[in-house]
Amino acid sequence: MKVTVDQDKCVSSGMCVMNAGDVFDQRDDDGVVELLVAEPGPEQAEETRKAAAACPALAIHIEE
């Protein structure tokens, strides 16, 4: 699994962090998504998929 984020699309909802806080974070100044783990392991796969599905801006992309 490889994860990328489009920070230009991000609307700072925080759904990514709520679903997968060990994979995503938010910038302090504006809340835009920051990717912490570009290639999550199997133990993080389900929560990472949930975060991508919950993103209202569709700013998280997963390549299996």
Protein backbone atom coordinates (compact mmCIF):
# COMPACT_ATOMS: atom_id res chain seq x y z
CA MET A 1 0.00 0.00 0.00
CA LYS A 2 1.28 3.45 -0.95
CA VAL A 3 -0.45 6.61 0.24
CA THR A 4 -0.28 10.11 -1.21
CA VAL A 5 -2.13 13.26 -0.19
CA ASP A 6 -3.13 16.34 -2.15
CA GLN A 7 -2.62 19.19 0.28
CA ASP A 8 -4.20 21.64 -2.20
CA LYS A 9 -7.51 19.73 -2.01
CA CYS A 10 -7.48 19.31 1.78
CA VAL A 11 -10.25 21.18 3.64
CA SER A 12 -8.76 20.54 7.10
CA SER A 13 -11.67 18.43 8.37
CA GLY A 14 -9.42 16.20 10.47
CA MET A 15 -11.17 12.98 9.48
CA CYS A 16 -7.84 11.47 8.44
CA VAL A 17 -6.31 12.02 11.87
CA MET A 18 -9.44 10.78 13.64
CA ASN A 19 -9.35 7.54 11.64
CA ALA A 20 -5.60 6.96 11.30
CA GLY A 21 -3.65 9.22 13.62
CA ASP A 22 -0.47 7.21 13.25
CA VAL A 23 -0.50 7.68 9.45
CA PHE A 24 -1.76 11.28 9.17
CA ASP A 25 -1.35 14.54 11.05
CA GLN A 26 -2.43 18.13 10.49
CA ARG A 27 -0.30 21.25 10.23
CA ASP A 28 -0.60 23.45 13.30
CA ASP A 29 -1.07 26.70 11.41
CA ASP A 30 -3.90 25.74 9.02
CA GLY A 31 -4.91 22.13 9.72
CA VAL A 32 -3.92 20.81 6.29
CA VAL A 33 -3.13 17.10 6.16
CA GLU A 34 0.42 15.88 6.59
CA LEU A 35 1.39 12.35 5.64
CA LEU A 36 3.46 10.66 8.33
CA VAL A 37 3.71 7.17 6.78
CA ALA A 38 3.76 6.89 2.98
CA GLU A 39 3.76 3.08 3.02
CA PRO A 40 1.64 1.88 5.95
CA GLY A 41 2.08 -1.69 7.09
CA PRO A 42 -0.64 -4.33 7.12
CA GLU A 43 -1.60 -3.38 10.68
CA GLN A 44 -2.39 0.17 9.49
CA ALA A 45 -4.13 -0.74 6.22
CA GLU A 46 -7.73 -0.82 7.45
CA GLU A 47 -7.55 2.48 9.34
CA THR A 48 -5.78 4.12 6.39
CA ARG A 49 -8.55 3.01 4.02
CA LYS A 50 -11.17 4.35 6.46
CA ALA A 51 -9.37 7.70 6.58
CA ALA A 52 -9.33 7.94 2.78
CA ALA A 53 -13.02 7.05 2.58
CA ALA A 54 -13.90 9.61 5.26
CA CYS A 55 -12.03 12.49 3.60
CA PRO A 56 -14.67 14.96 2.36
CA ALA A 57 -12.24 16.50 -0.14
CA LEU A 58 -10.98 13.17 -1.52
CA ALA A 59 -7.45 14.40 -0.84
CA ILE A 60 -6.08 10.97 0.16
CA HIS A 61 -5.09 8.51 -2.55
CA ILE A 62 -4.20 4.86 -1.96
CA GLU A 63 -2.37 2.64 -4.39
CA GLU A 64 -2.59 -1.05 -3.52
